[in-house]
Amino acid sequence: MNFRIRSYRKELLDGSNIPFEDIKKNMQELDTINTRLGGHAITLKGFRSLLQDKKQIRVCEIGCGGGDNLVAIRKWCVANGIKVCCIGIDMKAECVELAKQQPELKDNCQWIVSDYADVIFDTKPDIIFSSLFCHHFTDEQLVTQLQWYHANSRTGFFINDLHRNWIAYYSISILTELFSSSYLVKNDAPLSVSRGFLKKEWEAIASLAGIEVTVSWEWAFRHLVIARHDN
C-alpha cells in the first residue's frame, strides 16, 4: 500500500445494487465509529466555528446518509438555545427516508434526494458541510465541489474527512475485523483511509478552486477544512 498517493479504488458503497438493509447496517456502524472515535466532535467543531454568535442558523449536509451528523448538530443546538433548520441532501432515497425517521430530525428539516450539484436553493443555507463524503471524489471533482459549497453558502462551509496514514489504515482494518458485522464497513473503512487526504493536498485543491481555507488535523486521523466568506 502506497500512502504517498490517493487510492481511487472504488468502495463497495459506491455500487448501485447494494441491498438497503446492508447500507442501513453500514450507516449504523459508521454512526458508532463517529461517536466513539470523535467524528461527531469534529463536525461540531466545524459547525461552531462558523456559527459565531448567531442564535438562528440554517445548515445543510451534503451526502447526509442516515442523518447522524445532523442529529449531533441538532442536539447541540437544542442544548445551547440555538434555533436550527437542517437540510439533508443525498442521492439515495432510502438514506433520506432513514434520516427522516430520526426523532431529532422530525421538525424544521428539509430533505432533498438529488446529486448535490443539481440542487438550487430557494434560500441559501448559512453553512454547508460534508463528512466522510469528499474522499469518494477525484481531486479534480473536488475543485468544482468546493466552488459549489462556497457559491451556495452564506457564511461558509466545512469538511470533515480522513487523513491518509498507514497507522489509521491498519488500525481501522483491525478494529473493523474484530468488531464490525458489516461487510461494507470491513471492506470500505480501510479503503476510505487510502482514499483520504494529506493536508497539503487539501491546500492544493482549495488553491485551484480559488478559495482560502484553514486545514487542521483532528483526532482520530481526520482533517477539518473550513472556509469562511469575507462578509
Protein backbone atom coordinates (compact mmCIF):
# COMPACT_ATOMS: atom_id res chain seq x y z
CA MET A 1 0.00 0.00 0.00
CA ASN A 2 1.47 3.32 -1.12
CA PHE A 3 0.23 6.06 1.20
CA ARG A 4 2.04 8.81 -0.69
CA ILE A 5 -0.75 8.96 -3.28
CA ARG A 6 -4.53 8.70 -3.03
CA SER A 7 -6.17 5.42 -4.00
CA TYR A 8 -9.04 5.63 -6.47
CA ARG A 9 -10.23 2.07 -5.90
CA LYS A 10 -14.00 2.08 -5.72
CA GLU A 11 -15.63 1.27 -2.40
CA LEU A 12 -18.43 -1.28 -2.29
CA LEU A 13 -20.73 1.51 -1.13
CA ASP A 14 -20.14 3.26 -4.46
CA GLY A 15 -22.00 0.44 -6.18
CA SER A 16 -25.63 0.74 -7.24
CA ASN A 17 -27.01 -2.72 -6.43
CA ILE A 18 -26.41 -3.00 -2.68
CA PRO A 19 -29.44 -4.15 -0.63
CA PHE A 20 -30.63 -1.28 1.53
CA GLU A 21 -30.56 -3.36 4.70
CA ASP A 22 -26.81 -3.70 4.16
CA ILE A 23 -26.49 0.07 3.62
CA LYS A 24 -28.52 0.66 6.78
CA LYS A 25 -26.22 -1.60 8.80
CA ASN A 26 -23.23 0.24 7.35
CA MET A 27 -24.63 3.64 8.39
CA GLN A 28 -25.45 2.42 11.89
CA GLU A 29 -21.89 1.22 12.41
CA LEU A 30 -20.46 4.44 10.96
CA ASP A 31 -22.53 6.37 13.49
CA THR A 32 -20.94 4.29 16.26
CA ILE A 33 -17.47 4.88 14.82
CA ASN A 34 -18.13 8.62 14.53
CA THR A 35 -19.34 8.74 18.12
CA ARG A 36 -16.54 6.70 19.69
CA LEU A 37 -13.62 7.97 17.59
CA GLY A 38 -14.59 11.64 17.68
CA GLY A 39 -16.06 12.13 14.21
CA HIS A 40 -19.14 13.92 15.50
CA ALA A 41 -16.98 16.09 17.76
CA ILE A 42 -15.08 17.29 14.67
CA THR A 43 -18.34 18.06 12.88
CA LEU A 44 -19.49 20.11 15.88
CA LYS A 45 -16.15 21.94 15.98
CA GLY A 46 -16.56 22.94 12.34
CA PHE A 47 -20.16 23.97 12.91
CA ARG A 48 -19.36 26.10 15.96
CA SER A 49 -16.50 27.83 14.18
CA LEU A 50 -18.92 29.16 11.55
CA LEU A 51 -21.89 29.71 13.87
CA GLN A 52 -20.22 32.65 15.62
CA ASP A 53 -22.82 34.41 17.78
CA LYS A 54 -25.88 33.53 15.71
CA LYS A 55 -28.96 32.31 17.56
CA GLN A 56 -30.66 31.06 14.41
CA ILE A 57 -28.93 29.05 11.70
CA ARG A 58 -29.66 27.15 8.51
CA VAL A 59 -27.26 24.23 7.95
CA CYS A 60 -27.04 21.79 5.04
CA GLU A 61 -25.24 18.45 4.87
CA ILE A 62 -24.19 17.03 1.51
CA GLY A 63 -24.32 13.22 1.45
CA CYS A 64 -26.36 13.14 4.66
CA GLY A 65 -26.82 9.36 4.76
CA GLY A 66 -28.88 8.39 7.78
CA GLY A 67 -28.66 11.87 9.29
CA ASP A 68 -26.39 11.12 12.27
CA ASN A 69 -24.30 14.28 11.76
CA LEU A 70 -27.41 16.44 11.63
CA VAL A 71 -28.68 14.74 14.78
CA ALA A 72 -25.43 15.67 16.57
CA ILE A 73 -25.79 19.28 15.42
CA ARG A 74 -29.48 19.45 16.36
CA LYS A 75 -28.80 18.08 19.85
CA TRP A 76 -26.02 20.61 20.41
CA CYS A 77 -28.20 23.48 19.19
CA VAL A 78 -31.10 22.48 21.42
CA ALA A 79 -28.75 22.28 24.42
CA ASN A 80 -27.37 25.74 23.63
CA GLY A 81 -30.55 27.62 22.76
CA ILE A 82 -29.87 27.82 19.00
CA LYS A 83 -32.76 27.59 16.55
CA VAL A 84 -31.59 25.41 13.67
CA CYS A 85 -33.09 24.45 10.33
CA CYS A 86 -31.48 21.32 8.85
CA ILE A 87 -31.23 20.41 5.18
CA GLY A 88 -30.12 16.93 4.15
CA ILE A 89 -29.11 16.06 0.59
CA ASP A 90 -28.40 12.52 -0.59
CA MET A 91 -28.69 10.71 -3.89
CA LYS A 92 -30.17 7.61 -2.25
CA ALA A 93 -33.87 7.97 -1.42
CA GLU A 94 -33.59 5.12 1.11
CA CYS A 95 -30.95 7.06 3.07
CA VAL A 96 -33.17 10.13 3.19
CA GLU A 97 -36.11 8.03 4.38
CA LEU A 98 -33.94 6.61 7.16
CA ALA A 99 -32.79 10.10 8.18
CA LYS A 100 -36.41 11.26 8.33
CA GLN A 101 -37.07 8.60 10.98
CA GLN A 102 -34.56 10.15 13.40
CA PRO A 103 -36.67 11.61 16.25
CA GLU A 104 -34.42 14.68 16.45
CA LEU A 105 -34.98 15.43 12.75
CA LYS A 106 -38.78 15.30 12.66
CA ASP A 107 -39.25 19.09 12.70
CA ASN A 108 -37.79 22.05 10.82
CA CYS A 109 -35.92 19.86 8.34
CA GLN A 110 -35.82 19.81 4.56
CA TRP A 111 -34.85 16.71 2.60
CA ILE A 112 -33.60 16.60 -0.99
CA VAL A 113 -32.98 13.42 -2.98
CA SER A 114 -30.54 14.54 -5.63
CA ASP A 115 -26.96 14.88 -6.74
CA TYR A 116 -25.81 17.88 -4.72
CA ALA A 117 -24.59 19.65 -7.90
CA ASP A 118 -28.13 19.74 -9.30
CA VAL A 119 -29.62 21.45 -6.24
CA ILE A 120 -30.74 25.06 -6.50
CA PHE A 121 -31.73 26.59 -3.16
CA ASP A 122 -34.64 29.00 -2.77
CA THR A 123 -32.83 30.26 0.32
CA LYS A 124 -29.13 29.50 0.63
CA PRO A 125 -28.06 27.78 3.85
CA ASP A 126 -25.73 29.67 6.17
CA ILE A 127 -23.44 26.67 6.49
CA ILE A 128 -22.82 23.77 4.13
CA PHE A 129 -20.80 20.77 5.25
CA SER A 130 -19.91 17.21 4.42
CA SER A 131 -18.47 14.37 6.49
CA LEU A 132 -16.69 11.34 5.02
CA PHE A 133 -18.03 12.36 1.62
CA CYS A 134 -15.21 14.04 -0.25
CA HIS A 135 -12.92 11.01 -0.38
CA HIS A 136 -15.36 9.46 -2.85
CA PHE A 137 -14.28 12.03 -5.46
CA THR A 138 -11.17 12.78 -7.50
CA ASP A 139 -9.10 15.88 -6.78
CA GLU A 140 -10.40 17.44 -10.00
CA GLN A 141 -14.02 16.82 -9.00
CA LEU A 142 -13.33 18.31 -5.57
CA VAL A 143 -12.20 21.61 -7.05
CA THR A 144 -15.68 22.03 -8.54
CA GLN A 145 -17.30 20.69 -5.39
CA LEU A 146 -15.59 23.26 -3.14
CA GLN A 147 -16.62 26.03 -5.52
CA TRP A 148 -20.23 24.83 -5.27
CA TYR A 149 -20.05 24.80 -1.46
CA HIS A 150 -18.67 28.33 -1.50
CA ALA A 151 -21.20 29.68 -4.02
CA ASN A 152 -24.20 28.18 -2.22
CA SER A 153 -23.40 29.03 1.41
CA ARG A 154 -23.90 32.39 3.06
CA THR A 155 -21.41 32.12 5.93
CA GLY A 156 -19.08 29.36 4.78
CA PHE A 157 -18.52 25.63 4.65
CA PHE A 158 -16.55 22.92 6.38
CA ILE A 159 -15.41 19.41 5.52
CA ASN A 160 -14.69 16.54 7.90
CA ASP A 161 -12.73 13.81 6.17
CA LEU A 162 -9.98 11.25 6.57
CA HIS A 163 -6.24 11.70 6.89
CA ARG A 164 -4.42 9.17 4.72
CA ASN A 165 -1.99 7.47 7.06
CA TRP A 166 -0.68 3.93 7.47
CA ILE A 167 -1.43 3.87 11.21
CA ALA A 168 -5.06 4.82 10.55
CA TYR A 169 -5.30 2.26 7.75
CA TYR A 170 -4.09 -0.74 9.72
CA SER A 171 -5.81 0.33 12.94
CA ILE A 172 -9.25 0.57 11.35
CA SER A 173 -8.60 -2.69 9.48
CA ILE A 174 -8.03 -4.49 12.78
CA LEU A 175 -10.88 -2.77 14.64
CA THR A 176 -13.48 -3.48 11.96
CA GLU A 177 -12.34 -7.06 11.56
CA LEU A 178 -12.76 -7.60 15.30
CA PHE A 179 -15.94 -5.64 15.99
CA SER A 180 -17.86 -5.00 12.76
CA SER A 181 -20.64 -7.22 11.50
CA SER A 182 -20.99 -5.25 8.22
CA TYR A 183 -19.10 -6.49 5.18
CA LEU A 184 -19.37 -2.97 3.79
CA VAL A 185 -17.62 -1.47 6.80
CA LYS A 186 -14.95 -4.17 6.85
CA ASN A 187 -14.13 -3.56 3.19
CA ASP A 188 -14.70 0.18 2.88
CA ALA A 189 -13.36 1.59 6.15
CA PRO A 190 -9.66 0.90 5.44
CA LEU A 191 -10.16 1.64 1.75
CA SER A 192 -11.64 5.01 2.71
CA VAL A 193 -8.43 5.84 4.56
CA SER A 194 -6.37 5.05 1.48
CA ARG A 195 -8.63 7.44 -0.44
CA GLY A 196 -8.19 10.14 2.19
CA PHE A 197 -6.02 13.24 2.08
CA LEU A 198 -2.84 14.89 3.26
CA LYS A 199 -3.03 18.48 4.48
CA LYS A 200 -1.01 19.76 1.52
CA GLU A 201 -3.48 18.08 -0.87
CA TRP A 202 -6.41 19.94 0.69
CA GLU A 203 -4.48 23.19 0.40
CA ALA A 204 -3.71 22.49 -3.27
CA ILE A 205 -7.35 21.62 -4.07
CA ALA A 206 -8.59 24.78 -2.36
CA SER A 207 -5.98 26.87 -4.17
CA LEU A 208 -7.14 25.52 -7.54
CA ALA A 209 -10.71 26.34 -6.52
CA GLY A 210 -9.68 29.88 -5.62
CA ILE A 211 -10.90 29.53 -2.03
CA GLU A 212 -9.00 30.34 1.15
CA VAL A 213 -9.29 27.56 3.74
CA THR A 214 -7.83 26.54 7.05
CA VAL A 215 -6.92 22.86 7.44
CA SER A 216 -6.43 21.35 10.89
CA TRP A 217 -5.52 17.79 11.87
CA GLU A 218 -8.03 16.25 14.25
CA TRP A 219 -8.17 13.04 16.27
CA ALA A 220 -8.59 10.32 15.17
CA PHE A 221 -6.82 10.83 11.85
CA ARG A 222 -9.16 13.37 10.31
CA HIS A 223 -8.82 16.78 8.72
CA LEU A 224 -11.19 19.66 9.33
CA VAL A 225 -11.30 22.03 6.35
CA ILE A 226 -13.02 25.38 6.98
CA ALA A 227 -13.79 28.22 4.58
CA ARG A 228 -15.41 31.48 5.65
CA HIS A 229 -16.93 34.18 3.46
CA ASP A 230 -15.40 37.62 3.81
CA ASN A 231 -18.71 39.35 4.54
